[in-house]
């Protein structure tokens, strides 16, 4: 009798192990796929624009996003470039990867 009871526990433990192994494998695989996609997005080079004479953040915003509200694009450009105000100088390089 003891052997029969031992076999039942052993089979149940193996099923439990197999199920846990399967779940952990699936979670690990999905995690690696997600991390691979995130690192691909972060490896792109930033888009830089050199400010030309007469350009303002407003005109740049209208150029790079003609269908969006320029006020929002100017705000994003200021945040992206860590600008305190909207003043930019000729020759200044600003990031525009929005």
PDB file of N, CA and C in Angstrom:
ATOM      1  N   UNK A   1       0.815  -1.196   0.000  1.00  0.00           N
ATOM      2  CA  UNK A   1       0.000   0.000   0.000  1.00  0.00           C
ATOM      3  C   UNK A   1       0.862   1.265   0.000  1.00  0.00           C
ATOM      4  N   UNK A   2       1.898   1.171   0.707  1.00  0.00           N
ATOM      5  CA  UNK A   2       2.732   2.351   0.787  1.00  0.00           C
ATOM      6  C   UNK A   2       3.295   2.736  -0.583  1.00  0.00           C
ATOM      7  N   UNK A   3       3.676   1.783  -1.382  1.00  0.00           N
ATOM      8  CA  UNK A   3       4.209   2.035  -2.711  1.00  0.00           C
ATOM      9  C   UNK A   3       3.164   2.701  -3.610  1.00  0.00           C
ATOM     10  N   UNK A   4       1.932   2.261  -3.516  1.00  0.00           N
ATOM     11  CA  UNK A   4       0.854   2.838  -4.327  1.00  0.00           C
ATOM     12  C   UNK A   4       0.643   4.319  -3.958  1.00  0.00           C
ATOM     13  N   UNK A   5       0.618   4.619  -2.696  1.00  0.00           N
ATOM     14  CA  UNK A   5       0.448   5.997  -2.232  1.00  0.00           C
ATOM     15  C   UNK A   5       1.616   6.866  -2.702  1.00  0.00           C
ATOM     16  N   UNK A   6       2.812   6.305  -2.655  1.00  0.00           N
ATOM     17  CA  UNK A   6       4.006   7.030  -3.078  1.00  0.00           C
ATOM     18  C   UNK A   6       3.926   7.366  -4.572  1.00  0.00           C
ATOM     19  N   UNK A   7       3.443   6.460  -5.400  1.00  0.00           N
ATOM     20  CA  UNK A   7       3.330   6.699  -6.837  1.00  0.00           C
ATOM     21  C   UNK A   7       2.324   7.808  -7.140  1.00  0.00           C
ATOM     22  N   UNK A   8       1.241   7.889  -6.410  1.00  0.00           N
ATOM     23  CA  UNK A   8       0.237   8.941  -6.613  1.00  0.00           C
ATOM     24  C   UNK A   8       0.856  10.302  -6.314  1.00  0.00           C
ATOM     25  N   UNK A   9       1.566  10.413  -5.228  1.00  0.00           N
ATOM     26  CA  UNK A   9       2.217  11.682  -4.863  1.00  0.00           C
ATOM     27  C   UNK A   9       3.277  12.045  -5.896  1.00  0.00           C
ATOM     28  N   UNK A  10       4.037  11.056  -6.345  1.00  0.00           N
ATOM     29  CA  UNK A  10       5.088  11.302  -7.322  1.00  0.00           C
ATOM     30  C   UNK A  10       4.491  11.814  -8.634  1.00  0.00           C
ATOM     31  N   UNK A  11       3.411  11.203  -9.130  1.00  0.00           N
ATOM     32  CA  UNK A  11       2.791  11.633 -10.370  1.00  0.00           C
ATOM     33  C   UNK A  11       2.226  13.043 -10.226  1.00  0.00           C
ATOM     34  N   UNK A  12       1.579  13.327  -9.117  1.00  0.00           N
ATOM     35  CA  UNK A  12       1.020  14.662  -8.907  1.00  0.00           C
ATOM     36  C   UNK A  12       2.133  15.695  -8.860  1.00  0.00           C
ATOM     37  N   UNK A  13       3.237  15.382  -8.228  1.00  0.00           N
ATOM     38  CA  UNK A  13       4.354  16.312  -8.135  1.00  0.00           C
ATOM     39  C   UNK A  13       4.974  16.548  -9.505  1.00  0.00           C
ATOM     40  N   UNK A  14       5.065  15.500 -10.331  1.00  0.00           N
ATOM     41  CA  UNK A  14       5.616  15.673 -11.660  1.00  0.00           C
ATOM     42  C   UNK A  14       4.715  16.559 -12.516  1.00  0.00           C
ATOM     43  N   UNK A  15       3.401  16.394 -12.423  1.00  0.00           N
ATOM     44  CA  UNK A  15       2.471  17.232 -13.170  1.00  0.00           C
ATOM     45  C   UNK A  15       2.598  18.688 -12.718  1.00  0.00           C
ATOM     46  N   UNK A  16       2.708  18.861 -11.433  1.00  0.00           N
ATOM     47  CA  UNK A  16       2.858  20.215 -10.892  1.00  0.00           C
ATOM     48  C   UNK A  16       4.162  20.851 -11.383  1.00  0.00           C
ATOM     49  N   UNK A  17       5.237  20.063 -11.367  1.00  0.00           N
ATOM     50  CA  UNK A  17       6.525  20.552 -11.849  1.00  0.00           C
ATOM     51  C   UNK A  17       6.442  20.925 -13.329  1.00  0.00           C
ATOM     52  N   UNK A  18       5.848  20.038 -14.124  1.00  0.00           N
ATOM     53  CA  UNK A  18       5.754  20.278 -15.565  1.00  0.00           C
ATOM     54  C   UNK A  18       4.940  21.536 -15.860  1.00  0.00           C
ATOM     55  N   UNK A  19       3.833  21.717 -15.161  1.00  0.00           N
ATOM     56  CA  UNK A  19       3.005  22.907 -15.365  1.00  0.00           C
ATOM     57  C   UNK A  19       3.763  24.167 -14.967  1.00  0.00           C
ATOM     58  N   UNK A  20       4.426  24.153 -13.834  1.00  0.00           N
ATOM     59  CA  UNK A  20       5.208  25.316 -13.394  1.00  0.00           C
ATOM     60  C   UNK A  20       6.331  25.626 -14.375  1.00  0.00           C
ATOM     61  N   UNK A  21       6.993  24.577 -14.858  1.00  0.00           N
ATOM     62  CA  UNK A  21       8.070  24.772 -15.825  1.00  0.00           C
ATOM     63  C   UNK A  21       7.542  25.404 -17.107  1.00  0.00           C
ATOM     64  N   UNK A  22       6.394  24.950 -17.573  1.00  0.00           N
ATOM     65  CA  UNK A  22       5.790  25.492 -18.781  1.00  0.00           C
ATOM     66  C   UNK A  22       5.424  26.971 -18.604  1.00  0.00           C
ATOM     67  N   UNK A  23       4.810  27.303 -17.493  1.00  0.00           N
ATOM     68  CA  UNK A  23       4.413  28.690 -17.223  1.00  0.00           C
ATOM     69  C   UNK A  23       5.637  29.591 -17.126  1.00  0.00           C
ATOM     70  N   UNK A  24       6.647  29.154 -16.409  1.00  0.00           N
ATOM     71  CA  UNK A  24       7.857  29.967 -16.255  1.00  0.00           C
ATOM     72  C   UNK A  24       8.551  30.146 -17.599  1.00  0.00           C
ATOM     73  N   UNK A  25       8.578  29.112 -18.428  1.00  0.00           N
ATOM     74  CA  UNK A  25       9.187  29.216 -19.746  1.00  0.00           C
ATOM     75  C   UNK A  25       8.449  30.223 -20.614  1.00  0.00           C
ATOM     76  N   UNK A  26       7.127  30.184 -20.586  1.00  0.00           N
ATOM     77  CA  UNK A  26       6.341  31.121 -21.395  1.00  0.00           C
ATOM     78  C   UNK A  26       6.550  32.557 -20.926  1.00  0.00           C
ATOM     79  N   UNK A  27       6.549  32.783 -19.626  1.00  0.00           N
ATOM     80  CA  UNK A  27       6.750  34.131 -19.088  1.00  0.00           C
ATOM     81  C   UNK A  27       8.140  34.644 -19.459  1.00  0.00           C
ATOM     82  N   UNK A  28       9.136  33.803 -19.362  1.00  0.00           N
ATOM     83  CA  UNK A  28      10.499  34.201 -19.711  1.00  0.00           C
ATOM     84  C   UNK A  28      10.608  34.556 -21.191  1.00  0.00           C
ATOM     85  N   UNK A  29      10.000  33.752 -22.044  1.00  0.00           N
ATOM     86  CA  UNK A  29      10.040  34.012 -23.483  1.00  0.00           C
ATOM     87  C   UNK A  29       9.376  35.338 -23.827  1.00  0.00           C
ATOM     88  N   UNK A  30       8.207  35.580 -23.276  1.00  0.00           N
ATOM     89  CA  UNK A  30       7.505  36.842 -23.533  1.00  0.00           C
ATOM     90  C   UNK A  30       8.318  38.023 -23.009  1.00  0.00           C
ATOM     91  N   UNK A  31       8.936  37.870 -21.858  1.00  0.00           N
ATOM     92  CA  UNK A  31       9.756  38.946 -21.293  1.00  0.00           C
ATOM     93  C   UNK A  31      10.933  39.277 -22.205  1.00  0.00           C
ATOM     94  N   UNK A  32      11.606  38.261 -22.726  1.00  0.00           N
ATOM     95  CA  UNK A  32      12.728  38.504 -23.632  1.00  0.00           C
ATOM     96  C   UNK A  32      12.269  39.192 -24.906  1.00  0.00           C
ATOM     97  N   UNK A  33      11.137  38.786 -25.463  1.00  0.00           N
ATOM     98  CA  UNK A  33      10.622  39.443 -26.668  1.00  0.00           C
ATOM     99  C   UNK A  33      10.324  40.911 -26.398  1.00  0.00           C
ATOM    100  N   UNK A  34       9.710  41.193 -25.252  1.00  0.00           N
ATOM    101  CA  UNK A  34       9.393  42.584 -24.901  1.00  0.00           C
ATOM    102  C   UNK A  34      10.669  43.396 -24.735  1.00  0.00           C
ATOM    103  N   UNK A  35      11.626  42.871 -23.990  1.00  0.00           N
ATOM    104  CA  UNK A  35      12.874  43.606 -23.768  1.00  0.00           C
ATOM    105  C   UNK A  35      13.632  43.823 -25.076  1.00  0.00           C
ATOM    106  N   UNK A  36      13.577  42.871 -25.975  1.00  0.00           N
ATOM    107  CA  UNK A  36      14.251  43.039 -27.263  1.00  0.00           C
ATOM    108  C   UNK A  36      13.606  44.161 -28.062  1.00  0.00           C
ATOM    109  N   UNK A  37      12.291  44.270 -28.020  1.00  0.00           N
ATOM    110  CA  UNK A  37      11.624  45.332 -28.769  1.00  0.00           C
ATOM    111  C   UNK A  37      11.886  46.701 -28.143  1.00  0.00           C
ATOM    112  N   UNK A  38      11.974  46.766 -26.826  1.00  0.00           N
ATOM    113  CA  UNK A  38      12.234  48.034 -26.148  1.00  0.00           C
ATOM    114  C   UNK A  38      13.647  48.512 -26.441  1.00  0.00           C
ATOM    115  N   UNK A  39      14.619  47.628 -26.422  1.00  0.00           N
ATOM    116  CA  UNK A  39      15.995  48.059 -26.659  1.00  0.00           C
ATOM    117  C   UNK A  39      16.191  48.472 -28.110  1.00  0.00           C
ATOM    118  N   UNK A  40      15.469  47.883 -29.047  1.00  0.00           N
ATOM    119  CA  UNK A  40      15.571  48.317 -30.440  1.00  0.00           C
ATOM    120  C   UNK A  40      15.081  49.752 -30.599  1.00  0.00           C
ATOM    121  N   UNK A  41      14.012  50.115 -29.905  1.00  0.00           N
ATOM    122  CA  UNK A  41      13.466  51.460 -30.004  1.00  0.00           C
ATOM    123  C   UNK A  41      14.410  52.486 -29.379  1.00  0.00           C
ATOM    124  N   UNK A  42      15.157  52.089 -28.340  1.00  0.00           N
ATOM    125  CA  UNK A  42      16.029  53.030 -27.653  1.00  0.00           C
ATOM    126  C   UNK A  42      17.372  53.231 -28.348  1.00  0.00           C
ATOM    127  N   UNK A  43      17.715  52.389 -29.307  1.00  0.00           N
ATOM    128  CA  UNK A  43      19.024  52.503 -29.934  1.00  0.00           C
ATOM    129  C   UNK A  43      19.032  53.454 -31.124  1.00  0.00           C
ATOM    130  N   UNK A  44      17.915  54.039 -31.470  1.00  0.00           N
ATOM    131  CA  UNK A  44      17.892  54.946 -32.610  1.00  0.00           C
ATOM    132  C   UNK A  44      18.631  56.245 -32.267  1.00  0.00           C
ATOM    133  N   UNK A  45      19.183  56.873 -33.277  1.00  0.00           N
ATOM    134  CA  UNK A  45      19.903  58.126 -33.073  1.00  0.00           C
ATOM    135  C   UNK A  45      18.897  59.268 -32.966  1.00  0.00           C
ATOM    136  N   UNK A  46      19.192  60.253 -32.108  1.00  0.00           N
ATOM    137  CA  UNK A  46      18.277  61.390 -32.009  1.00  0.00           C
ATOM    138  C   UNK A  46      18.330  62.240 -33.282  1.00  0.00           C
ATOM    139  N   UNK A  47      17.191  62.759 -33.667  1.00  0.00           N
ATOM    140  CA  UNK A  47      17.134  63.646 -34.828  1.00  0.00           C
ATOM    141  C   UNK A  47      17.473  65.055 -34.371  1.00  0.00           C
ATOM    142  N   UNK A  48      18.519  65.613 -34.936  1.00  0.00           N
ATOM    143  CA  UNK A  48      18.970  66.950 -34.555  1.00  0.00           C
ATOM    144  C   UNK A  48      18.716  67.914 -35.701  1.00  0.00           C
ATOM    145  N   UNK A  49      18.340  69.120 -35.333  1.00  0.00           N
ATOM    146  CA  UNK A  49      18.092  70.179 -36.315  1.00  0.00           C
ATOM    147  C   UNK A  49      18.931  71.387 -35.918  1.00  0.00           C
ATOM    148  N   UNK A  50      19.630  71.956 -36.872  1.00  0.00           N
ATOM    149  CA  UNK A  50      20.380  73.183 -36.621  1.00  0.00           C
ATOM    150  C   UNK A  50      19.467  74.355 -36.956  1.00  0.00           C
ATOM    151  N   UNK A  51      19.290  75.243 -35.996  1.00  0.00           N
ATOM    152  CA  UNK A  51      18.382  76.383 -36.164  1.00  0.00           C
ATOM    153  C   UNK A  51      18.970  77.353 -37.182  1.00  0.00           C
ATOM    154  N   UNK A  52      18.160  77.696 -38.175  1.00  0.00           N
ATOM    155  CA  UNK A  52      18.564  78.643 -39.212  1.00  0.00           C
ATOM    156  C   UNK A  52      18.101  80.054 -38.835  1.00  0.00           C
ATOM    157  N   UNK A  53      18.655  81.041 -39.497  1.00  0.00           N
ATOM    158  CA  UNK A  53      18.302  82.437 -39.232  1.00  0.00           C
ATOM    159  C   UNK A  53      16.804  82.649 -39.482  1.00  0.00           C
ATOM    160  N   UNK A  54      16.131  83.260 -38.528  1.00  0.00           N
ATOM    161  CA  UNK A  54      14.709  83.572 -38.637  1.00  0.00           C
ATOM    162  C   UNK A  54      13.777  82.467 -38.140  1.00  0.00           C
ATOM    163  N   UNK A  55      14.315  81.303 -37.816  1.00  0.00           N
ATOM    164  CA  UNK A  55      13.461  80.220 -37.329  1.00  0.00           C
ATOM    165  C   UNK A  55      13.136  80.401 -35.853  1.00  0.00           C
ATOM    166  N   UNK A  56      11.945  79.998 -35.503  1.00  0.00           N
ATOM    167  CA  UNK A  56      11.512  79.997 -34.104  1.00  0.00           C
ATOM    168  C   UNK A  56      10.995  78.600 -33.786  1.00  0.00           C
ATOM    169  N   UNK A  57      10.771  78.344 -32.518  1.00  0.00           N
ATOM    170  CA  UNK A  57      10.191  77.055 -32.152  1.00  0.00           C
ATOM    171  C   UNK A  57       8.827  76.875 -32.810  1.00  0.00           C
ATOM    172  N   UNK A  58       8.100  77.973 -32.956  1.00  0.00           N
ATOM    173  CA  UNK A  58       6.771  77.912 -33.572  1.00  0.00           C
ATOM    174  C   UNK A  58       6.866  77.469 -35.037  1.00  0.00           C
ATOM    175  N   UNK A  59       7.794  78.076 -35.796  1.00  0.00           N
ATOM    176  CA  UNK A  59       7.918  77.703 -37.213  1.00  0.00           C
ATOM    177  C   UNK A  59       8.450  76.275 -37.360  1.00  0.00           C
ATOM    178  N   UNK A  60       9.340  75.885 -36.474  1.00  0.00           N
ATOM    179  CA  UNK A  60       9.848  74.510 -36.496  1.00  0.00           C
ATOM    180  C   UNK A  60       8.715  73.537 -36.189  1.00  0.00           C
ATOM    181  N   UNK A  61       7.894  73.888 -35.213  1.00  0.00           N
ATOM    182  CA  UNK A  61       6.752  73.031 -34.846  1.00  0.00           C
ATOM    183  C   UNK A  61       5.778  72.887 -36.010  1.00  0.00           C
ATOM    184  N   UNK A  62       5.523  73.977 -36.705  1.00  0.00           N
ATOM    185  CA  UNK A  62       4.619  73.914 -37.865  1.00  0.00           C
ATOM    186  C   UNK A  62       5.221  73.080 -38.996  1.00  0.00           C
ATOM    187  N   UNK A  63       6.541  73.094 -39.114  1.00  0.00           N
ATOM    188  CA  UNK A  63       7.206  72.351 -40.179  1.00  0.00           C
ATOM    189  C   UNK A  63       7.223  70.849 -39.898  1.00  0.00           C
ATOM    190  N   UNK A  64       7.579  70.463 -38.665  1.00  0.00           N
ATOM    191  CA  UNK A  64       7.738  69.037 -38.377  1.00  0.00           C
ATOM    192  C   UNK A  64       6.414  68.338 -38.072  1.00  0.00           C
ATOM    193  N   UNK A  65       5.401  69.098 -37.678  1.00  0.00           N
ATOM    194  CA  UNK A  65       4.095  68.493 -37.376  1.00  0.00           C
ATOM    195  C   UNK A  65       2.981  69.409 -37.882  1.00  0.00           C
ATOM    196  N   UNK A  66       2.778  69.464 -39.193  1.00  0.00           N
ATOM    197  CA  UNK A  66       1.809  70.417 -39.746  1.00  0.00           C
ATOM    198  C   UNK A  66       0.360  70.141 -39.350  1.00  0.00           C
ATOM    199  N   UNK A  67       0.028  68.921 -38.986  1.00  0.00           N
ATOM    200  CA  UNK A  67      -1.355  68.590 -38.635  1.00  0.00           C
ATOM    201  C   UNK A  67      -1.645  68.704 -37.142  1.00  0.00           C
ATOM    202  N   UNK A  68      -0.620  68.984 -36.330  1.00  0.00           N
ATOM    203  CA  UNK A  68      -0.793  69.091 -34.882  1.00  0.00           C
ATOM    204  C   UNK A  68      -0.851  70.542 -34.444  1.00  0.00           C
ATOM    205  N   UNK A  69      -1.352  70.738 -33.239  1.00  0.00           N
ATOM    206  CA  UNK A  69      -1.404  72.071 -32.651  1.00  0.00           C
ATOM    207  C   UNK A  69       0.025  72.529 -32.349  1.00  0.00           C
ATOM    208  N   UNK A  70       0.482  73.646 -32.933  1.00  0.00           N
ATOM    209  CA  UNK A  70       1.868  74.093 -32.716  1.00  0.00           C
ATOM    210  C   UNK A  70       2.192  74.357 -31.250  1.00  0.00           C
ATOM    211  N   UNK A  71       1.201  74.765 -30.470  1.00  0.00           N
ATOM    212  CA  UNK A  71       1.466  75.026 -29.050  1.00  0.00           C
ATOM    213  C   UNK A  71       1.925  73.764 -28.330  1.00  0.00           C
ATOM    214  N   UNK A  72       1.301  72.641 -28.646  1.00  0.00           N
ATOM    215  CA  UNK A  72       1.685  71.379 -28.011  1.00  0.00           C
ATOM    216  C   UNK A  72       3.060  70.914 -28.493  1.00  0.00           C
ATOM    217  N   UNK A  73       3.327  71.101 -29.771  1.00  0.00           N
ATOM    218  CA  UNK A  73       4.621  70.687 -30.312  1.00  0.00           C
ATOM    219  C   UNK A  73       5.735  71.552 -29.735  1.00  0.00           C
ATOM    220  N   UNK A  74       5.498  72.854 -29.606  1.00  0.00           N
ATOM    221  CA  UNK A  74       6.490  73.750 -28.988  1.00  0.00           C
ATOM    222  C   UNK A  74       6.752  73.312 -27.551  1.00  0.00           C
ATOM    223  N   UNK A  75       5.704  72.961 -26.821  1.00  0.00           N
ATOM    224  CA  UNK A  75       5.864  72.509 -25.441  1.00  0.00           C
ATOM    225  C   UNK A  75       6.700  71.221 -25.399  1.00  0.00           C
ATOM    226  N   UNK A  76       6.443  70.285 -26.332  1.00  0.00           N
ATOM    227  CA  UNK A  76       7.222  69.048 -26.368  1.00  0.00           C
ATOM    228  C   UNK A  76       8.680  69.314 -26.736  1.00  0.00           C
ATOM    229  N   UNK A  77       8.903  70.237 -27.677  1.00  0.00           N
ATOM    230  CA  UNK A  77      10.279  70.588 -28.043  1.00  0.00           C
ATOM    231  C   UNK A  77      11.023  71.205 -26.859  1.00  0.00           C
ATOM    232  N   UNK A  78      10.347  72.065 -26.126  1.00  0.00           N
ATOM    233  CA  UNK A  78      10.976  72.680 -24.952  1.00  0.00           C
ATOM    234  C   UNK A  78      11.313  71.629 -23.904  1.00  0.00           C
ATOM    235  N   UNK A  79      10.411  70.685 -23.675  1.00  0.00           N
ATOM    236  CA  UNK A  79      10.681  69.623 -22.703  1.00  0.00           C
ATOM    237  C   UNK A  79      11.813  68.716 -23.172  1.00  0.00           C
ATOM    238  N   UNK A  80      11.801  68.346 -24.444  1.00  0.00           N
ATOM    239  CA  UNK A  80      12.803  67.445 -24.995  1.00  0.00           C
ATOM    240  C   UNK A  80      14.202  68.047 -24.941  1.00  0.00           C
ATOM    241  N   UNK A  81      14.290  69.365 -25.163  1.00  0.00           N
ATOM    242  CA  UNK A  81      15.584  70.047 -25.191  1.00  0.00           C
ATOM    243  C   UNK A  81      15.923  70.755 -23.890  1.00  0.00           C
ATOM    244  N   UNK A  82      15.070  70.585 -22.885  1.00  0.00           N
ATOM    245  CA  UNK A  82      15.286  71.196 -21.559  1.00  0.00           C
ATOM    246  C   UNK A  82      15.485  72.709 -21.657  1.00  0.00           C
ATOM    247  N   UNK A  83      14.580  73.343 -22.414  1.00  0.00           N
ATOM    248  CA  UNK A  83      14.629  74.794 -22.574  1.00  0.00           C
ATOM    249  C   UNK A  83      13.722  75.444 -21.542  1.00  0.00           C
ATOM    250  N   UNK A  84      14.198  76.519 -20.926  1.00  0.00           N
ATOM    251  CA  UNK A  84      13.388  77.230 -19.934  1.00  0.00           C
ATOM    252  C   UNK A  84      12.361  78.136 -20.597  1.00  0.00           C
ATOM    253  N   UNK A  85      12.695  78.654 -21.770  1.00  0.00           N
ATOM    254  CA  UNK A  85      11.770  79.521 -22.494  1.00  0.00           C
ATOM    255  C   UNK A  85      11.836  79.185 -23.976  1.00  0.00           C
ATOM    256  N   UNK A  86      11.174  79.964 -24.791  1.00  0.00           N
ATOM    257  CA  UNK A  86      11.097  79.664 -26.223  1.00  0.00           C
ATOM    258  C   UNK A  86      12.200  80.315 -27.043  1.00  0.00           C
ATOM    259  N   UNK A  87      13.187  80.874 -26.391  1.00  0.00           N
ATOM    260  CA  UNK A  87      14.270  81.549 -27.112  1.00  0.00           C
ATOM    261  C   UNK A  87      15.285  80.525 -27.622  1.00  0.00           C
ATOM    262  N   UNK A  88      15.535  80.568 -28.924  1.00  0.00           N
ATOM    263  CA  UNK A  88      16.576  79.747 -29.526  1.00  0.00           C
ATOM    264  C   UNK A  88      17.450  80.652 -30.382  1.00  0.00           C
ATOM    265  N   UNK A  89      18.703  80.215 -30.609  1.00  0.00           N
ATOM    266  CA  UNK A  89      19.655  81.032 -31.357  1.00  0.00           C
ATOM    267  C   UNK A  89      20.003  80.364 -32.683  1.00  0.00           C
ATOM    268  N   UNK A  90      20.390  81.159 -33.639  1.00  0.00           N
ATOM    269  CA  UNK A  90      20.853  80.644 -34.920  1.00  0.00           C
ATOM    270  C   UNK A  90      22.089  79.772 -34.677  1.00  0.00           C
ATOM    271  N   UNK A  91      22.096  78.583 -35.294  1.00  0.00           N
ATOM    272  CA  UNK A  91      23.218  77.656 -35.116  1.00  0.00           C
ATOM    273  C   UNK A  91      23.009  76.670 -33.968  1.00  0.00           C
ATOM    274  N   UNK A  92      22.034  76.930 -33.109  1.00  0.00           N
ATOM    275  CA  UNK A  92      21.777  76.024 -31.998  1.00  0.00           C
ATOM    276  C   UNK A  92      21.204  74.715 -32.554  1.00  0.00           C
ATOM    277  N   UNK A  93      21.646  73.597 -31.966  1.00  0.00           N
ATOM    278  CA  UNK A  93      21.154  72.293 -32.403  1.00  0.00           C
ATOM    279  C   UNK A  93      20.094  71.827 -31.393  1.00  0.00           C
ATOM    280  N   UNK A  94      18.928  71.486 -31.911  1.00  0.00           N
ATOM    281  CA  UNK A  94      17.854  71.016 -31.042  1.00  0.00           C
ATOM    282  C   UNK A  94      17.372  69.651 -31.532  1.00  0.00           C
ATOM    283  N   UNK A  95      16.947  68.844 -30.571  1.00  0.00           N
ATOM    284  CA  UNK A  95      16.398  67.524 -30.890  1.00  0.00           C
ATOM    285  C   UNK A  95      14.944  67.700 -31.349  1.00  0.00           C
ATOM    286  N   UNK A  96      14.581  66.958 -32.377  1.00  0.00           N
ATOM    287  CA  UNK A  96      13.205  67.058 -32.873  1.00  0.00           C
ATOM    288  C   UNK A  96      12.549  65.684 -32.986  1.00  0.00           C
ATOM    289  N   UNK A  97      13.112  64.656 -32.362  1.00  0.00           N
ATOM    290  CA  UNK A  97      12.528  63.314 -32.468  1.00  0.00           C
ATOM    291  C   UNK A  97      11.306  63.184 -31.558  1.00  0.00           C
ATOM    292  N   UNK A  98      10.191  63.639 -32.079  1.00  0.00           N
ATOM    293  CA  UNK A  98       8.926  63.624 -31.324  1.00  0.00           C
ATOM    294  C   UNK A  98       8.087  62.478 -31.822  1.00  0.00           C
TER     295      UNK A  98
END
